Amino acid sequence: MSPSRNGGNEDAGAPPASDRFEEDVLALVPALRRYARSLVRSDPDGEDLLQDCVEKVLSRRAQWRGVNLRAWAFTIMTNLGRNRHRYVAMHPQVALDEDLGLEAETHESDPLERSRLERALNGLSTENRSVLMLVVIEGYRYQDVAEMMAIPIGTVMSRLSRARRQLAEAMKDDNVISMRRPK
């Protein structure tokens, strides 16, 4: 008989130490779940925190010194909760309400038109395309784009003007026969 992790003798029919470790972690899940929910004050976020904690405990098995698994797991949970709290404080999220009417509109699109638009956008320089996408698609103000890209606001305006002009030129209907029926 070989000594167990507790210093005693193992039974011949007892599971190996690694199996016992996983069983001991599994036995801690209800207590860890309660603690996670109390840390984040939300059931879904608590489940995420619990999952992160269990994953970290299992992946860091080699770092456990065999003294007090419960205290070790709760310390990991506490540190993960603190890190999550810091991250959320630095990156606030806005909850979307289903009643805001934010459903995407569905339009029948012409595959040829989409292809032309994609080619036209890809034909723009990286700088002009970036400014166009940030202002027109993402809705950022000129000043915000200037700060993001670390360029003067006048450069933002000239790049946007150039991008719009190049895009309009590329999207001209020259030599394109519409396949749509007149209404």
N, C-alpha and C. Protein backbone atom coordinates (compact mmCIF):
# COMPACT_ATOMS: atom_id res chain seq x y z
N MET A 1 0.84 -1.19 0.00
CA MET A 1 0.00 0.00 0.00
C MET A 1 0.88 1.25 0.00
N SER A 2 0.47 2.21 -0.83
CA SER A 2 1.25 3.45 -0.92
C SER A 2 0.55 4.53 -0.12
N PRO A 3 1.30 5.49 0.35
CA PRO A 3 0.68 6.57 1.13
C PRO A 3 -0.19 7.43 0.24
N SER A 4 -1.30 7.90 0.79
CA SER A 4 -2.21 8.78 0.05
C SER A 4 -1.75 10.22 0.21
N ARG A 5 -2.47 11.13 -0.43
CA ARG A 5 -2.10 12.54 -0.33
C ARG A 5 -2.32 13.07 1.08
N ASN A 6 -3.14 12.37 1.86
CA ASN A 6 -3.40 12.79 3.23
C ASN A 6 -2.39 12.18 4.19
N GLY A 7 -1.47 11.39 3.67
CA GLY A 7 -0.46 10.81 4.52
C GLY A 7 -0.82 9.43 5.01
N GLY A 8 -2.03 8.95 4.76
CA GLY A 8 -2.44 7.64 5.21
C GLY A 8 -2.26 6.62 4.11
N ASN A 9 -2.79 5.43 4.32
CA ASN A 9 -2.69 4.39 3.31
C ASN A 9 -3.93 4.40 2.44
N GLU A 10 -3.72 4.12 1.12
CA GLU A 10 -4.85 4.06 0.20
C GLU A 10 -5.40 2.65 0.19
N ASP A 11 -6.70 2.52 0.01
CA ASP A 11 -7.30 1.22 -0.17
C ASP A 11 -7.02 0.76 -1.57
N ALA A 12 -6.96 -0.57 -1.78
CA ALA A 12 -6.69 -1.11 -3.10
C ALA A 12 -7.79 -0.71 -4.08
N GLY A 13 -9.05 -0.58 -3.59
CA GLY A 13 -10.16 -0.24 -4.47
C GLY A 13 -10.42 1.24 -4.59
N ALA A 14 -9.64 2.08 -3.91
CA ALA A 14 -9.87 3.52 -3.93
C ALA A 14 -9.41 4.09 -5.27
N PRO A 15 -10.09 5.14 -5.75
CA PRO A 15 -9.69 5.75 -7.02
C PRO A 15 -8.33 6.43 -6.87
N PRO A 16 -7.59 6.59 -7.97
CA PRO A 16 -6.30 7.28 -7.91
C PRO A 16 -6.48 8.71 -7.42
N ALA A 17 -5.39 9.33 -6.98
CA ALA A 17 -5.45 10.68 -6.41
C ALA A 17 -6.03 11.69 -7.39
N SER A 18 -5.73 11.56 -8.68
CA SER A 18 -6.24 12.53 -9.65
C SER A 18 -7.76 12.45 -9.76
N ASP A 19 -8.31 11.21 -9.70
CA ASP A 19 -9.76 11.06 -9.72
C ASP A 19 -10.38 11.67 -8.48
N ARG A 20 -9.73 11.46 -7.34
CA ARG A 20 -10.22 12.00 -6.09
C ARG A 20 -10.19 13.53 -6.12
N PHE A 21 -9.16 14.11 -6.72
CA PHE A 21 -9.06 15.56 -6.83
C PHE A 21 -10.27 16.10 -7.59
N GLU A 22 -10.58 15.50 -8.73
CA GLU A 22 -11.72 15.94 -9.52
C GLU A 22 -13.02 15.75 -8.78
N GLU A 23 -13.14 14.66 -8.04
CA GLU A 23 -14.35 14.43 -7.23
C GLU A 23 -14.47 15.48 -6.15
N ASP A 24 -13.35 15.83 -5.51
CA ASP A 24 -13.36 16.85 -4.46
C ASP A 24 -13.74 18.22 -5.03
N VAL A 25 -13.24 18.53 -6.23
CA VAL A 25 -13.61 19.79 -6.90
C VAL A 25 -15.10 19.78 -7.21
N LEU A 26 -15.57 18.67 -7.72
CA LEU A 26 -17.00 18.55 -8.05
C LEU A 26 -17.87 18.74 -6.80
N ALA A 27 -17.41 18.23 -5.67
CA ALA A 27 -18.16 18.40 -4.42
C ALA A 27 -18.20 19.86 -3.98
N LEU A 28 -17.24 20.67 -4.40
CA LEU A 28 -17.21 22.09 -4.03
C LEU A 28 -18.10 22.96 -4.91
N VAL A 29 -18.58 22.44 -6.02
CA VAL A 29 -19.33 23.26 -6.99
C VAL A 29 -20.53 23.98 -6.37
N PRO A 30 -21.39 23.34 -5.57
CA PRO A 30 -22.52 24.10 -5.01
C PRO A 30 -22.09 25.29 -4.16
N ALA A 31 -21.07 25.12 -3.35
CA ALA A 31 -20.60 26.22 -2.51
C ALA A 31 -19.94 27.30 -3.38
N LEU A 32 -19.17 26.89 -4.36
CA LEU A 32 -18.55 27.85 -5.27
C LEU A 32 -19.60 28.62 -6.07
N ARG A 33 -20.68 27.94 -6.47
CA ARG A 33 -21.76 28.59 -7.21
C ARG A 33 -22.40 29.69 -6.36
N ARG A 34 -22.69 29.36 -5.10
CA ARG A 34 -23.29 30.37 -4.22
C ARG A 34 -22.36 31.57 -4.06
N TYR A 35 -21.09 31.29 -3.86
CA TYR A 35 -20.11 32.35 -3.67
C TYR A 35 -19.99 33.20 -4.94
N ALA A 36 -19.95 32.55 -6.09
CA ALA A 36 -19.83 33.28 -7.37
C ALA A 36 -21.02 34.21 -7.56
N ARG A 37 -22.21 33.71 -7.28
CA ARG A 37 -23.42 34.55 -7.44
C ARG A 37 -23.39 35.73 -6.49
N SER A 38 -22.85 35.52 -5.28
CA SER A 38 -22.79 36.64 -4.33
C SER A 38 -21.75 37.67 -4.76
N LEU A 39 -20.70 37.22 -5.42
CA LEU A 39 -19.67 38.16 -5.87
C LEU A 39 -20.16 39.04 -7.02
N VAL A 40 -20.89 38.47 -7.96
CA VAL A 40 -21.28 39.23 -9.15
C VAL A 40 -22.74 39.67 -9.14
N ARG A 41 -23.51 39.18 -8.19
CA ARG A 41 -24.92 39.55 -8.01
C ARG A 41 -25.79 39.26 -9.23
N SER A 42 -25.48 38.16 -9.89
CA SER A 42 -26.24 37.79 -11.08
C SER A 42 -26.07 36.30 -11.31
N ASP A 43 -27.18 35.61 -11.60
CA ASP A 43 -27.08 34.18 -11.86
C ASP A 43 -26.27 33.87 -13.11
N PRO A 44 -26.55 34.50 -14.26
CA PRO A 44 -25.76 34.16 -15.46
C PRO A 44 -24.27 34.51 -15.30
N ASP A 45 -23.98 35.68 -14.74
CA ASP A 45 -22.58 36.05 -14.53
C ASP A 45 -21.92 35.15 -13.49
N GLY A 46 -22.71 34.72 -12.51
CA GLY A 46 -22.19 33.80 -11.50
C GLY A 46 -21.82 32.46 -12.12
N GLU A 47 -22.65 31.99 -13.05
CA GLU A 47 -22.35 30.73 -13.74
C GLU A 47 -21.07 30.86 -14.56
N ASP A 48 -20.89 32.02 -15.21
CA ASP A 48 -19.66 32.25 -15.97
C ASP A 48 -18.44 32.24 -15.05
N LEU A 49 -18.57 32.92 -13.92
CA LEU A 49 -17.47 32.98 -12.96
C LEU A 49 -17.17 31.59 -12.40
N LEU A 50 -18.21 30.82 -12.11
CA LEU A 50 -18.03 29.45 -11.62
C LEU A 50 -17.28 28.62 -12.65
N GLN A 51 -17.69 28.71 -13.89
CA GLN A 51 -17.04 27.95 -14.94
C GLN A 51 -15.57 28.34 -15.07
N ASP A 52 -15.28 29.64 -15.03
CA ASP A 52 -13.90 30.10 -15.11
C ASP A 52 -13.08 29.56 -13.94
N CYS A 53 -13.68 29.58 -12.76
CA CYS A 53 -12.99 29.11 -11.57
C CYS A 53 -12.69 27.61 -11.65
N VAL A 54 -13.68 26.81 -11.99
CA VAL A 54 -13.48 25.36 -12.06
C VAL A 54 -12.44 25.04 -13.13
N GLU A 55 -12.50 25.74 -14.25
CA GLU A 55 -11.51 25.51 -15.30
C GLU A 55 -10.11 25.82 -14.80
N LYS A 56 -9.97 26.92 -14.07
CA LYS A 56 -8.66 27.31 -13.56
C LYS A 56 -8.17 26.33 -12.50
N VAL A 57 -9.06 25.90 -11.61
CA VAL A 57 -8.68 24.93 -10.57
C VAL A 57 -8.19 23.64 -11.22
N LEU A 58 -8.92 23.15 -12.21
CA LEU A 58 -8.54 21.90 -12.86
C LEU A 58 -7.25 22.04 -13.68
N SER A 59 -7.10 23.17 -14.36
CA SER A 59 -5.90 23.35 -15.18
C SER A 59 -4.66 23.64 -14.35
N ARG A 60 -4.84 24.12 -13.13
CA ARG A 60 -3.71 24.44 -12.24
C ARG A 60 -3.50 23.37 -11.17
N ARG A 61 -3.99 22.20 -11.42
CA ARG A 61 -3.90 21.08 -10.48
C ARG A 61 -2.50 20.90 -9.94
N ALA A 62 -1.50 21.06 -10.79
CA ALA A 62 -0.11 20.85 -10.38
C ALA A 62 0.35 21.89 -9.36
N GLN A 63 -0.31 23.04 -9.29
CA GLN A 63 0.08 24.09 -8.35
C GLN A 63 -0.51 23.88 -6.96
N TRP A 64 -1.49 23.01 -6.85
CA TRP A 64 -2.13 22.78 -5.56
C TRP A 64 -1.17 22.02 -4.65
N ARG A 65 -1.04 22.46 -3.42
CA ARG A 65 -0.08 21.88 -2.49
C ARG A 65 -0.68 20.80 -1.60
N GLY A 66 -1.96 20.49 -1.81
CA GLY A 66 -2.56 19.39 -1.08
C GLY A 66 -3.00 19.71 0.33
N VAL A 67 -3.09 20.97 0.69
CA VAL A 67 -3.42 21.34 2.07
C VAL A 67 -4.92 21.53 2.24
N ASN A 68 -5.50 22.52 1.58
CA ASN A 68 -6.91 22.83 1.76
C ASN A 68 -7.50 23.22 0.41
N LEU A 69 -8.06 22.24 -0.27
CA LEU A 69 -8.61 22.46 -1.61
C LEU A 69 -9.71 23.51 -1.60
N ARG A 70 -10.56 23.49 -0.59
CA ARG A 70 -11.66 24.45 -0.50
C ARG A 70 -11.13 25.88 -0.43
N ALA A 71 -10.17 26.13 0.43
CA ALA A 71 -9.61 27.48 0.57
C ALA A 71 -8.91 27.91 -0.72
N TRP A 72 -8.21 26.98 -1.35
CA TRP A 72 -7.50 27.27 -2.58
C TRP A 72 -8.48 27.64 -3.69
N ALA A 73 -9.55 26.87 -3.83
CA ALA A 73 -10.57 27.14 -4.86
C ALA A 73 -11.28 28.47 -4.59
N PHE A 74 -11.58 28.75 -3.34
CA PHE A 74 -12.26 30.01 -3.01
C PHE A 74 -11.32 31.21 -3.22
N THR A 75 -10.04 31.04 -3.02
CA THR A 75 -9.07 32.10 -3.29
C THR A 75 -9.03 32.39 -4.79
N ILE A 76 -9.02 31.33 -5.58
CA ILE A 76 -9.05 31.51 -7.04
C ILE A 76 -10.33 32.24 -7.45
N MET A 77 -11.46 31.83 -6.88
CA MET A 77 -12.74 32.47 -7.20
C MET A 77 -12.71 33.95 -6.81
N THR A 78 -12.17 34.25 -5.64
CA THR A 78 -12.09 35.64 -5.18
C THR A 78 -11.26 36.48 -6.15
N ASN A 79 -10.11 35.96 -6.55
CA ASN A 79 -9.25 36.70 -7.47
C ASN A 79 -9.90 36.88 -8.84
N LEU A 80 -10.56 35.84 -9.35
CA LEU A 80 -11.27 35.97 -10.62
C LEU A 80 -12.39 37.00 -10.52
N GLY A 81 -13.11 36.99 -9.39
CA GLY A 81 -14.18 37.97 -9.18
C GLY A 81 -13.65 39.39 -9.15
N ARG A 82 -12.51 39.59 -8.48
CA ARG A 82 -11.90 40.92 -8.43
C ARG A 82 -11.48 41.37 -9.82
N ASN A 83 -10.85 40.48 -10.56
CA ASN A 83 -10.42 40.83 -11.92
C ASN A 83 -11.61 41.18 -12.80
N ARG A 84 -12.68 40.41 -12.68
CA ARG A 84 -13.88 40.67 -13.47
C ARG A 84 -14.49 42.01 -13.09
N HIS A 85 -14.51 42.30 -11.79
CA HIS A 85 -15.06 43.57 -11.31
C HIS A 85 -14.25 44.75 -11.86
N ARG A 86 -12.92 44.63 -11.84
CA ARG A 86 -12.07 45.68 -12.39
C ARG A 86 -12.33 45.87 -13.88
N TYR A 87 -12.45 44.76 -14.60
CA TYR A 87 -12.68 44.83 -16.04
C TYR A 87 -14.02 45.51 -16.34
N VAL A 88 -15.06 45.12 -15.63
CA VAL A 88 -16.39 45.70 -15.85
C VAL A 88 -16.39 47.19 -15.52
N ALA A 89 -15.66 47.57 -14.46
CA ALA A 89 -15.59 48.98 -14.09
C ALA A 89 -14.90 49.81 -15.17
N MET A 90 -13.90 49.21 -15.81
CA MET A 90 -13.15 49.92 -16.84
C MET A 90 -13.83 49.85 -18.21
N HIS A 91 -14.70 48.86 -18.42
CA HIS A 91 -15.37 48.66 -19.71
C HIS A 91 -16.88 48.51 -19.48
N PRO A 92 -17.56 49.60 -19.18
CA PRO A 92 -19.00 49.48 -18.90
C PRO A 92 -19.76 48.98 -20.12
N GLN A 93 -20.79 48.18 -19.85
CA GLN A 93 -21.61 47.64 -20.92
C GLN A 93 -23.01 48.23 -20.81
N VAL A 94 -23.64 48.38 -21.95
CA VAL A 94 -24.99 48.91 -22.00
C VAL A 94 -25.93 47.73 -22.27
N ALA A 95 -26.92 47.58 -21.41
CA ALA A 95 -27.89 46.52 -21.60
C ALA A 95 -28.87 46.93 -22.69
N LEU A 96 -29.13 46.04 -23.62
CA LEU A 96 -30.08 46.33 -24.68
C LEU A 96 -31.44 45.78 -24.30
N ASP A 97 -32.44 46.58 -24.50
CA ASP A 97 -33.80 46.18 -24.21
C ASP A 97 -34.44 45.74 -25.53
N GLU A 98 -35.11 44.62 -25.51
CA GLU A 98 -35.73 44.12 -26.73
C GLU A 98 -36.79 45.08 -27.28
N ASP A 99 -37.32 45.94 -26.44
CA ASP A 99 -38.37 46.86 -26.87
C ASP A 99 -37.83 48.10 -27.57
N LEU A 100 -36.53 48.19 -27.76
CA LEU A 100 -35.96 49.37 -28.39
C LEU A 100 -36.14 49.38 -29.90
N GLY A 101 -36.63 48.30 -30.46
CA GLY A 101 -36.83 48.24 -31.90
C GLY A 101 -35.53 48.19 -32.66
N LEU A 102 -34.57 47.44 -32.16
CA LEU A 102 -33.26 47.37 -32.79
C LEU A 102 -33.13 46.18 -33.73
N GLU A 103 -34.23 45.66 -34.18
CA GLU A 103 -34.16 44.53 -35.09
C GLU A 103 -33.62 44.99 -36.43
N ALA A 104 -32.81 44.18 -37.02
CA ALA A 104 -32.22 44.52 -38.31
C ALA A 104 -33.28 44.44 -39.40
N GLU A 105 -33.24 45.41 -40.26
CA GLU A 105 -34.16 45.40 -41.39
C GLU A 105 -33.65 44.40 -42.42
N THR A 106 -34.56 43.72 -43.04
CA THR A 106 -34.15 42.79 -44.09
C THR A 106 -34.50 43.40 -45.43
N HIS A 107 -33.53 43.43 -46.29
CA HIS A 107 -33.73 43.97 -47.63
C HIS A 107 -33.30 42.90 -48.62
N GLU A 108 -34.05 42.82 -49.69
CA GLU A 108 -33.59 41.96 -50.76
C GLU A 108 -32.42 42.68 -51.40
N SER A 109 -31.32 42.00 -51.50
CA SER A 109 -30.16 42.66 -52.08
C SER A 109 -29.81 42.02 -53.41
N ASP A 110 -29.28 42.86 -54.24
CA ASP A 110 -28.83 42.43 -55.55
C ASP A 110 -27.39 41.94 -55.38
N PRO A 111 -27.12 40.67 -55.64
CA PRO A 111 -25.76 40.16 -55.45
C PRO A 111 -24.72 40.90 -56.27
N LEU A 112 -25.10 41.35 -57.46
CA LEU A 112 -24.15 42.09 -58.27
C LEU A 112 -23.84 43.45 -57.66
N GLU A 113 -24.86 44.08 -57.12
CA GLU A 113 -24.67 45.39 -56.47
C GLU A 113 -23.78 45.24 -55.24
N ARG A 114 -24.02 44.19 -54.46
CA ARG A 114 -23.18 43.93 -53.27
C ARG A 114 -21.74 43.70 -53.67
N SER A 115 -21.56 42.95 -54.74
CA SER A 115 -20.21 42.66 -55.23
C SER A 115 -19.51 43.94 -55.68
N ARG A 116 -20.24 44.81 -56.38
CA ARG A 116 -19.67 46.08 -56.82
C ARG A 116 -19.30 46.94 -55.62
N LEU A 117 -20.17 46.98 -54.62
CA LEU A 117 -19.89 47.78 -53.42
C LEU A 117 -18.67 47.23 -52.69
N GLU A 118 -18.58 45.92 -52.56
CA GLU A 118 -17.43 45.33 -51.90
C GLU A 118 -16.13 45.65 -52.64
N ARG A 119 -16.16 45.55 -53.98
CA ARG A 119 -14.97 45.89 -54.76
C ARG A 119 -14.62 47.36 -54.61
N ALA A 120 -15.64 48.22 -54.60
CA ALA A 120 -15.40 49.66 -54.46
C ALA A 120 -14.79 49.97 -53.09
N LEU A 121 -15.32 49.37 -52.04
CA LEU A 121 -14.75 49.60 -50.70
C LEU A 121 -13.33 49.07 -50.60
N ASN A 122 -13.10 47.90 -51.17
CA ASN A 122 -11.75 47.33 -51.12
C ASN A 122 -10.76 48.11 -51.98
N GLY A 123 -11.28 48.90 -52.93
CA GLY A 123 -10.42 49.72 -53.76
C GLY A 123 -9.94 50.98 -53.07
N LEU A 124 -10.54 51.33 -51.96
CA LEU A 124 -10.11 52.51 -51.21
C LEU A 124 -8.83 52.21 -50.45
N SER A 125 -8.04 53.24 -50.21
CA SER A 125 -6.84 53.05 -49.38
C SER A 125 -7.29 52.68 -47.96
N THR A 126 -6.40 52.06 -47.25
CA THR A 126 -6.73 51.64 -45.87
C THR A 126 -7.14 52.83 -45.01
N GLU A 127 -6.43 53.94 -45.13
CA GLU A 127 -6.73 55.12 -44.33
C GLU A 127 -8.11 55.69 -44.66
N ASN A 128 -8.41 55.81 -45.96
CA ASN A 128 -9.71 56.36 -46.37
C ASN A 128 -10.85 55.41 -46.00
N ARG A 129 -10.64 54.11 -46.19
CA ARG A 129 -11.68 53.14 -45.85
C ARG A 129 -11.93 53.14 -44.34
N SER A 130 -10.88 53.24 -43.54
CA SER A 130 -11.04 53.26 -42.08
C SER A 130 -11.89 54.45 -41.64
N VAL A 131 -11.56 55.62 -42.16
CA VAL A 131 -12.33 56.82 -41.80
C VAL A 131 -13.78 56.69 -42.25
N LEU A 132 -13.99 56.23 -43.47
CA LEU A 132 -15.34 56.06 -43.99
C LEU A 132 -16.15 55.10 -43.10
N MET A 133 -15.57 53.98 -42.76
CA MET A 133 -16.29 52.99 -41.95
C MET A 133 -16.60 53.54 -40.55
N LEU A 134 -15.63 54.22 -39.93
CA LEU A 134 -15.85 54.75 -38.58
C LEU A 134 -16.92 55.84 -38.55
N VAL A 135 -16.92 56.71 -39.55
CA VAL A 135 -17.88 57.82 -39.55
C VAL A 135 -19.24 57.37 -40.08
N VAL A 136 -19.26 56.75 -41.24
CA VAL A 136 -20.53 56.44 -41.90
C VAL A 136 -21.21 55.20 -41.32
N ILE A 137 -20.47 54.14 -41.13
CA ILE A 137 -21.07 52.88 -40.67
C ILE A 137 -21.19 52.84 -39.15
N GLU A 138 -20.11 53.18 -38.45
CA GLU A 138 -20.12 53.08 -36.99
C GLU A 138 -20.70 54.31 -36.31
N GLY A 139 -20.77 55.42 -37.02
CA GLY A 139 -21.44 56.61 -36.49
C GLY A 139 -20.60 57.46 -35.55
N TYR A 140 -19.28 57.33 -35.59
CA TYR A 140 -18.44 58.15 -34.73
C TYR A 140 -18.36 59.58 -35.27
N ARG A 141 -18.17 60.52 -34.35
CA ARG A 141 -17.99 61.92 -34.73
C ARG A 141 -16.58 62.11 -35.28
N TYR A 142 -16.38 63.15 -36.07
CA TYR A 142 -15.07 63.43 -36.66
C TYR A 142 -14.00 63.52 -35.57
N GLN A 143 -14.32 64.21 -34.48
CA GLN A 143 -13.35 64.39 -33.39
C GLN A 143 -12.97 63.04 -32.78
N ASP A 144 -13.95 62.15 -32.62
CA ASP A 144 -13.67 60.83 -32.05
C ASP A 144 -12.74 60.03 -32.96
N VAL A 145 -13.00 60.10 -34.26
CA VAL A 145 -12.16 59.38 -35.23
C VAL A 145 -10.74 59.97 -35.22
N ALA A 146 -10.65 61.29 -35.14
CA ALA A 146 -9.34 61.93 -35.09
C ALA A 146 -8.54 61.44 -33.88
N GLU A 147 -9.20 61.33 -32.73
CA GLU A 147 -8.52 60.85 -31.53
C GLU A 147 -8.15 59.38 -31.65
N MET A 148 -9.06 58.57 -32.19
CA MET A 148 -8.78 57.14 -32.34
C MET A 148 -7.59 56.88 -33.24
N MET A 149 -7.53 57.65 -34.33
CA MET A 149 -6.48 57.41 -35.33
C MET A 149 -5.26 58.30 -35.11
N ALA A 150 -5.32 59.17 -34.11
CA ALA A 150 -4.22 60.09 -33.78
C ALA A 150 -3.83 60.94 -35.00
N ILE A 151 -4.86 61.55 -35.62
CA ILE A 151 -4.65 62.44 -36.77
C ILE A 151 -5.48 63.70 -36.55
N PRO A 152 -5.13 64.80 -37.22
CA PRO A 152 -5.92 66.03 -37.09
C PRO A 152 -7.34 65.85 -37.65
N ILE A 153 -8.28 66.61 -37.13
CA ILE A 153 -9.67 66.50 -37.57
C ILE A 153 -9.80 66.88 -39.04
N GLY A 154 -8.98 67.81 -39.53
CA GLY A 154 -9.00 68.19 -40.95
C GLY A 154 -8.62 67.01 -41.84
N THR A 155 -7.71 66.18 -41.36
CA THR A 155 -7.31 65.00 -42.13
C THR A 155 -8.46 64.00 -42.18
N VAL A 156 -9.21 63.89 -41.09
CA VAL A 156 -10.39 63.02 -41.08
C VAL A 156 -11.37 63.48 -42.14
N MET A 157 -11.64 64.78 -42.16
CA MET A 157 -12.61 65.32 -43.11
C MET A 157 -12.15 65.14 -44.55
N SER A 158 -10.86 65.37 -44.82
CA SER A 158 -10.39 65.22 -46.20
C SER A 158 -10.38 63.76 -46.62
N ARG A 159 -10.01 62.85 -45.73
CA ARG A 159 -10.03 61.42 -46.07
C ARG A 159 -11.46 60.94 -46.31
N LEU A 160 -12.39 61.44 -45.50
CA LEU A 160 -13.78 61.05 -45.68
C LEU A 160 -14.32 61.57 -47.01
N SER A 161 -14.00 62.82 -47.35
CA SER A 161 -14.44 63.39 -48.61
C SER A 161 -13.86 62.60 -49.79
N ARG A 162 -12.58 62.31 -49.71
CA ARG A 162 -11.91 61.54 -50.77
C ARG A 162 -12.54 60.15 -50.89
N ALA A 163 -12.80 59.49 -49.77
CA ALA A 163 -13.38 58.15 -49.79
C ALA A 163 -14.77 58.17 -50.41
N ARG A 164 -15.58 59.16 -50.05
CA ARG A 164 -16.93 59.26 -50.61
C ARG A 164 -16.89 59.49 -52.12
N ARG A 165 -15.99 60.36 -52.53
CA ARG A 165 -15.87 60.66 -53.96
C ARG A 165 -15.40 59.42 -54.73
N GLN A 166 -14.39 58.71 -54.22
CA GLN A 166 -13.90 57.50 -54.88
C GLN A 166 -14.97 56.41 -54.92
N LEU A 167 -15.72 56.30 -53.84
CA LEU A 167 -16.77 55.29 -53.77
C LEU A 167 -17.88 55.61 -54.77
N ALA A 168 -18.28 56.88 -54.84
CA ALA A 168 -19.31 57.29 -55.80
C ALA A 168 -18.85 57.03 -57.23
N GLU A 169 -17.60 57.32 -57.51
CA GLU A 169 -17.05 57.09 -58.86
C GLU A 169 -17.07 55.60 -59.20
N ALA A 170 -16.68 54.77 -58.25
CA ALA A 170 -16.64 53.33 -58.49
C ALA A 170 -18.03 52.73 -58.62
N MET A 171 -19.02 53.37 -58.03
CA MET A 171 -20.38 52.82 -58.03
C MET A 171 -21.25 53.40 -59.14
N LYS A 172 -20.69 54.21 -60.02
CA LYS A 172 -21.48 54.75 -61.11
C LYS A 172 -22.12 53.62 -61.90
N ASP A 173 -23.28 53.92 -62.47
CA ASP A 173 -24.03 52.91 -63.21
C ASP A 173 -23.56 52.76 -64.65
N ASP A 174 -22.38 53.31 -65.00
CA ASP A 174 -21.88 53.18 -66.36
C ASP A 174 -21.73 51.71 -66.73
N ASN A 175 -22.24 51.38 -67.89
CA ASN A 175 -22.10 50.03 -68.44
C ASN A 175 -22.73 48.96 -67.56
N VAL A 176 -23.68 49.32 -66.72
CA VAL A 176 -24.37 48.32 -65.91
C VAL A 176 -25.81 48.30 -66.34
N ILE A 177 -26.31 47.16 -66.70
CA ILE A 177 -27.70 47.01 -67.11
C ILE A 177 -28.47 46.45 -65.93
N SER A 178 -29.46 47.18 -65.50
CA SER A 178 -30.25 46.72 -64.37
C SER A 178 -31.11 45.53 -64.77
N MET A 179 -31.13 44.53 -63.94
CA MET A 179 -31.92 43.33 -64.20
C MET A 179 -33.28 43.41 -63.51
N ARG A 180 -33.53 44.51 -62.84
CA ARG A 180 -34.82 44.66 -62.14
C ARG A 180 -35.89 45.13 -63.09
N ARG A 181 -37.08 44.65 -62.84
CA ARG A 181 -38.22 45.11 -63.65
C ARG A 181 -38.67 46.47 -63.18
N PRO A 182 -39.04 47.33 -64.12
CA PRO A 182 -39.55 48.65 -63.70
C PRO A 182 -40.88 48.47 -62.97
N LYS A 183 -41.11 49.31 -62.01
CA LYS A 183 -42.34 49.21 -61.21
C LYS A 183 -43.43 50.05 -61.77
